[in-house]
Amino acid sequence: QVQLVESGGGWVQAGGSLRLSCAASGSIFRIFLMGWYRQAPGKQRELVATIISDGTTNYADSVKGRFTISRDNAKNMMYLQMNSLKPEDTAVYYCRINLNWGQGTQVTVSS
């Protein structure tokens, strides 16, 4: 069983930065997909960024140029560097590895 724990969320003013971390533990035999998703109040969960086994990344149009996804395989960690944050980035952010999800971390951006 795989456990994912996010951290690094919080409150920030518009234009600020946050770095989210996702710590993975348990049995991960093969990783097909790693990614960050978010869900704002009253909205569906949406993809923010993904990174696959060869390092290829993919970003939602709304975060391109502002967010960067990365991973450290040796530490079983995944990160999301978020710069130039906007109020519309306010959401609960979830990390995902294959079909496993973390519990989420709240990000609040004030204008």
C-alpha atoms as a PDB file:
ATOM      1  CA  GLN A   1       0.000   0.000   0.000  1.00  0.00           C
ATOM      2  CA  VAL A   2       1.229   3.453  -0.883  1.00  0.00           C
ATOM      3  CA  GLN A   3       0.908   6.457   1.392  1.00  0.00           C
ATOM      4  CA  LEU A   4       1.268  10.009   0.139  1.00  0.00           C
ATOM      5  CA  VAL A   5       1.550  12.996   2.437  1.00  0.00           C
ATOM      6  CA  GLU A   6       1.485  16.558   1.146  1.00  0.00           C
ATOM      7  CA  SER A   7       2.954  19.535   2.960  1.00  0.00           C
ATOM      8  CA  GLY A   8       3.892  23.134   2.285  1.00  0.00           C
ATOM      9  CA  GLY A   9       0.475  24.653   1.802  1.00  0.00           C
ATOM     10  CA  GLY A  10      -0.579  27.840   3.507  1.00  0.00           C
ATOM     11  CA  TRP A  11      -1.620  31.427   3.039  1.00  0.00           C
ATOM     12  CA  VAL A  12       0.206  33.806   0.729  1.00  0.00           C
ATOM     13  CA  GLN A  13      -0.468  37.141  -0.905  1.00  0.00           C
ATOM     14  CA  ALA A  14      -0.918  37.377  -4.644  1.00  0.00           C
ATOM     15  CA  GLY A  15       2.425  37.369  -6.384  1.00  0.00           C
ATOM     16  CA  GLY A  16       4.001  35.230  -3.709  1.00  0.00           C
ATOM     17  CA  SER A  17       5.430  31.726  -3.851  1.00  0.00           C
ATOM     18  CA  LEU A  18       4.918  28.399  -2.152  1.00  0.00           C
ATOM     19  CA  ARG A  19       6.589  25.038  -2.516  1.00  0.00           C
ATOM     20  CA  LEU A  20       4.491  21.939  -2.016  1.00  0.00           C
ATOM     21  CA  SER A  21       6.066  18.613  -1.137  1.00  0.00           C
ATOM     22  CA  CYS A  22       4.701  15.093  -1.442  1.00  0.00           C
ATOM     23  CA  ALA A  23       6.346  12.313   0.529  1.00  0.00           C
ATOM     24  CA  ALA A  24       5.707   8.780  -0.694  1.00  0.00           C
ATOM     25  CA  SER A  25       6.070   5.619   1.326  1.00  0.00           C
ATOM     26  CA  GLY A  26       5.060   2.014   0.912  1.00  0.00           C
ATOM     27  CA  SER A  27       5.349  -0.370  -2.003  1.00  0.00           C
ATOM     28  CA  ILE A  28       5.683   1.390  -5.328  1.00  0.00           C
ATOM     29  CA  PHE A  29       6.808  -1.191  -7.850  1.00  0.00           C
ATOM     30  CA  ARG A  30       6.431   0.900 -10.944  1.00  0.00           C
ATOM     31  CA  ILE A  31       5.429   4.494 -11.360  1.00  0.00           C
ATOM     32  CA  PHE A  32       3.365   5.330 -14.408  1.00  0.00           C
ATOM     33  CA  LEU A  33       2.266   8.790 -13.441  1.00  0.00           C
ATOM     34  CA  MET A  34       3.079  11.368 -10.812  1.00  0.00           C
ATOM     35  CA  GLY A  35       1.188  14.582 -10.571  1.00  0.00           C
ATOM     36  CA  TRP A  36      -0.408  17.432  -8.714  1.00  0.00           C
ATOM     37  CA  TYR A  37      -4.106  18.192  -8.875  1.00  0.00           C
ATOM     38  CA  ARG A  38      -6.239  20.794  -7.177  1.00  0.00           C
ATOM     39  CA  GLN A  39      -9.848  21.310  -6.199  1.00  0.00           C
ATOM     40  CA  ALA A  40     -11.361  24.680  -5.472  1.00  0.00           C
ATOM     41  CA  PRO A  41     -14.631  25.035  -3.538  1.00  0.00           C
ATOM     42  CA  GLY A  42     -17.591  24.106  -5.699  1.00  0.00           C
ATOM     43  CA  LYS A  43     -15.392  22.937  -8.549  1.00  0.00           C
ATOM     44  CA  GLN A  44     -14.175  19.611  -9.845  1.00  0.00           C
ATOM     45  CA  ARG A  45     -10.681  18.391  -9.180  1.00  0.00           C
ATOM     46  CA  GLU A  46      -8.385  19.442 -12.003  1.00  0.00           C
ATOM     47  CA  LEU A  47      -4.934  18.569 -13.215  1.00  0.00           C
ATOM     48  CA  VAL A  48      -2.197  21.031 -12.367  1.00  0.00           C
ATOM     49  CA  ALA A  49       0.966  19.259 -13.498  1.00  0.00           C
ATOM     50  CA  THR A  50       2.249  15.782 -14.212  1.00  0.00           C
ATOM     51  CA  ILE A  51       5.625  14.161 -14.675  1.00  0.00           C
ATOM     52  CA  ILE A  52       6.136  10.739 -16.176  1.00  0.00           C
ATOM     53  CA  SER A  53       8.921   8.190 -15.902  1.00  0.00           C
ATOM     54  CA  ASP A  54      11.135   9.748 -18.579  1.00  0.00           C
ATOM     55  CA  GLY A  55      10.876  13.157 -16.928  1.00  0.00           C
ATOM     56  CA  THR A  56       8.417  14.641 -19.389  1.00  0.00           C
ATOM     57  CA  THR A  57       6.243  17.249 -17.750  1.00  0.00           C
ATOM     58  CA  ASN A  58       2.812  18.570 -18.569  1.00  0.00           C
ATOM     59  CA  TYR A  59       1.062  21.617 -17.147  1.00  0.00           C
ATOM     60  CA  ALA A  60      -2.393  23.074 -17.158  1.00  0.00           C
ATOM     61  CA  ASP A  61      -2.498  26.210 -19.292  1.00  0.00           C
ATOM     62  CA  SER A  62      -3.460  28.248 -16.257  1.00  0.00           C
ATOM     63  CA  VAL A  63      -0.169  27.498 -14.469  1.00  0.00           C
ATOM     64  CA  LYS A  64       2.334  27.287 -17.332  1.00  0.00           C
ATOM     65  CA  GLY A  65       5.320  29.476 -16.734  1.00  0.00           C
ATOM     66  CA  ARG A  66       4.479  29.879 -13.046  1.00  0.00           C
ATOM     67  CA  PHE A  67       4.525  26.348 -11.592  1.00  0.00           C
ATOM     68  CA  THR A  68       7.258  23.724 -11.814  1.00  0.00           C
ATOM     69  CA  ILE A  69       6.853  20.057 -10.971  1.00  0.00           C
ATOM     70  CA  SER A  70       9.883  18.016  -9.978  1.00  0.00           C
ATOM     71  CA  ARG A  71      10.776  14.799  -8.218  1.00  0.00           C
ATOM     72  CA  ASP A  72      13.597  13.258  -6.233  1.00  0.00           C
ATOM     73  CA  ASN A  73      13.471   9.510  -6.755  1.00  0.00           C
ATOM     74  CA  ALA A  74      16.157   8.831  -4.167  1.00  0.00           C
ATOM     75  CA  LYS A  75      14.078  10.519  -1.484  1.00  0.00           C
ATOM     76  CA  ASN A  76      10.680   9.361  -2.771  1.00  0.00           C
ATOM     77  CA  MET A  77       9.618  12.975  -2.971  1.00  0.00           C
ATOM     78  CA  MET A  78       7.711  15.099  -5.458  1.00  0.00           C
ATOM     79  CA  TYR A  79       7.501  18.877  -5.431  1.00  0.00           C
ATOM     80  CA  LEU A  80       5.464  21.691  -6.903  1.00  0.00           C
ATOM     81  CA  GLN A  81       7.116  25.094  -6.948  1.00  0.00           C
ATOM     82  CA  MET A  82       4.430  27.731  -7.334  1.00  0.00           C
ATOM     83  CA  ASN A  83       5.440  31.273  -8.219  1.00  0.00           C
ATOM     84  CA  SER A  84       3.458  34.385  -9.082  1.00  0.00           C
ATOM     85  CA  LEU A  85       0.472  32.975  -7.269  1.00  0.00           C
ATOM     86  CA  LYS A  86      -2.971  34.331  -8.044  1.00  0.00           C
ATOM     87  CA  PRO A  87      -6.196  34.279  -6.025  1.00  0.00           C
ATOM     88  CA  GLU A  88      -7.609  31.801  -8.531  1.00  0.00           C
ATOM     89  CA  ASP A  89      -4.900  29.339  -7.489  1.00  0.00           C
ATOM     90  CA  THR A  90      -6.675  28.970  -4.141  1.00  0.00           C
ATOM     91  CA  ALA A  91      -7.594  25.305  -3.721  1.00  0.00           C
ATOM     92  CA  VAL A  92      -6.770  22.091  -1.963  1.00  0.00           C
ATOM     93  CA  TYR A  93      -3.770  20.586  -3.711  1.00  0.00           C
ATOM     94  CA  TYR A  94      -3.398  16.820  -3.977  1.00  0.00           C
ATOM     95  CA  CYS A  95      -0.479  14.714  -5.058  1.00  0.00           C
ATOM     96  CA  ARG A  96      -0.995  11.528  -6.983  1.00  0.00           C
ATOM     97  CA  ILE A  97       1.209   8.553  -7.848  1.00  0.00           C
ATOM     98  CA  ASN A  98      -0.487   6.092 -10.154  1.00  0.00           C
ATOM     99  CA  LEU A  99      -3.906   5.543  -8.550  1.00  0.00           C
ATOM    100  CA  ASN A 100      -2.867   6.696  -5.079  1.00  0.00           C
ATOM    101  CA  TRP A 101      -3.816  10.104  -3.677  1.00  0.00           C
ATOM    102  CA  GLY A 102      -2.679  12.145  -0.727  1.00  0.00           C
ATOM    103  CA  GLN A 103      -5.001  13.847   1.713  1.00  0.00           C
ATOM    104  CA  GLY A 104      -4.444  17.308   0.273  1.00  0.00           C
ATOM    105  CA  THR A 105      -2.974  20.574   1.479  1.00  0.00           C
ATOM    106  CA  GLN A 106      -4.761  23.908   1.428  1.00  0.00           C
ATOM    107  CA  VAL A 107      -3.339  26.798  -0.556  1.00  0.00           C
ATOM    108  CA  THR A 108      -4.954  30.198  -0.073  1.00  0.00           C
ATOM    109  CA  VAL A 109      -3.898  33.210  -2.128  1.00  0.00           C
ATOM    110  CA  SER A 110      -5.239  36.583  -1.079  1.00  0.00           C
ATOM    111  CA  SER A 111      -5.558  39.557  -3.386  1.00  0.00           C
END
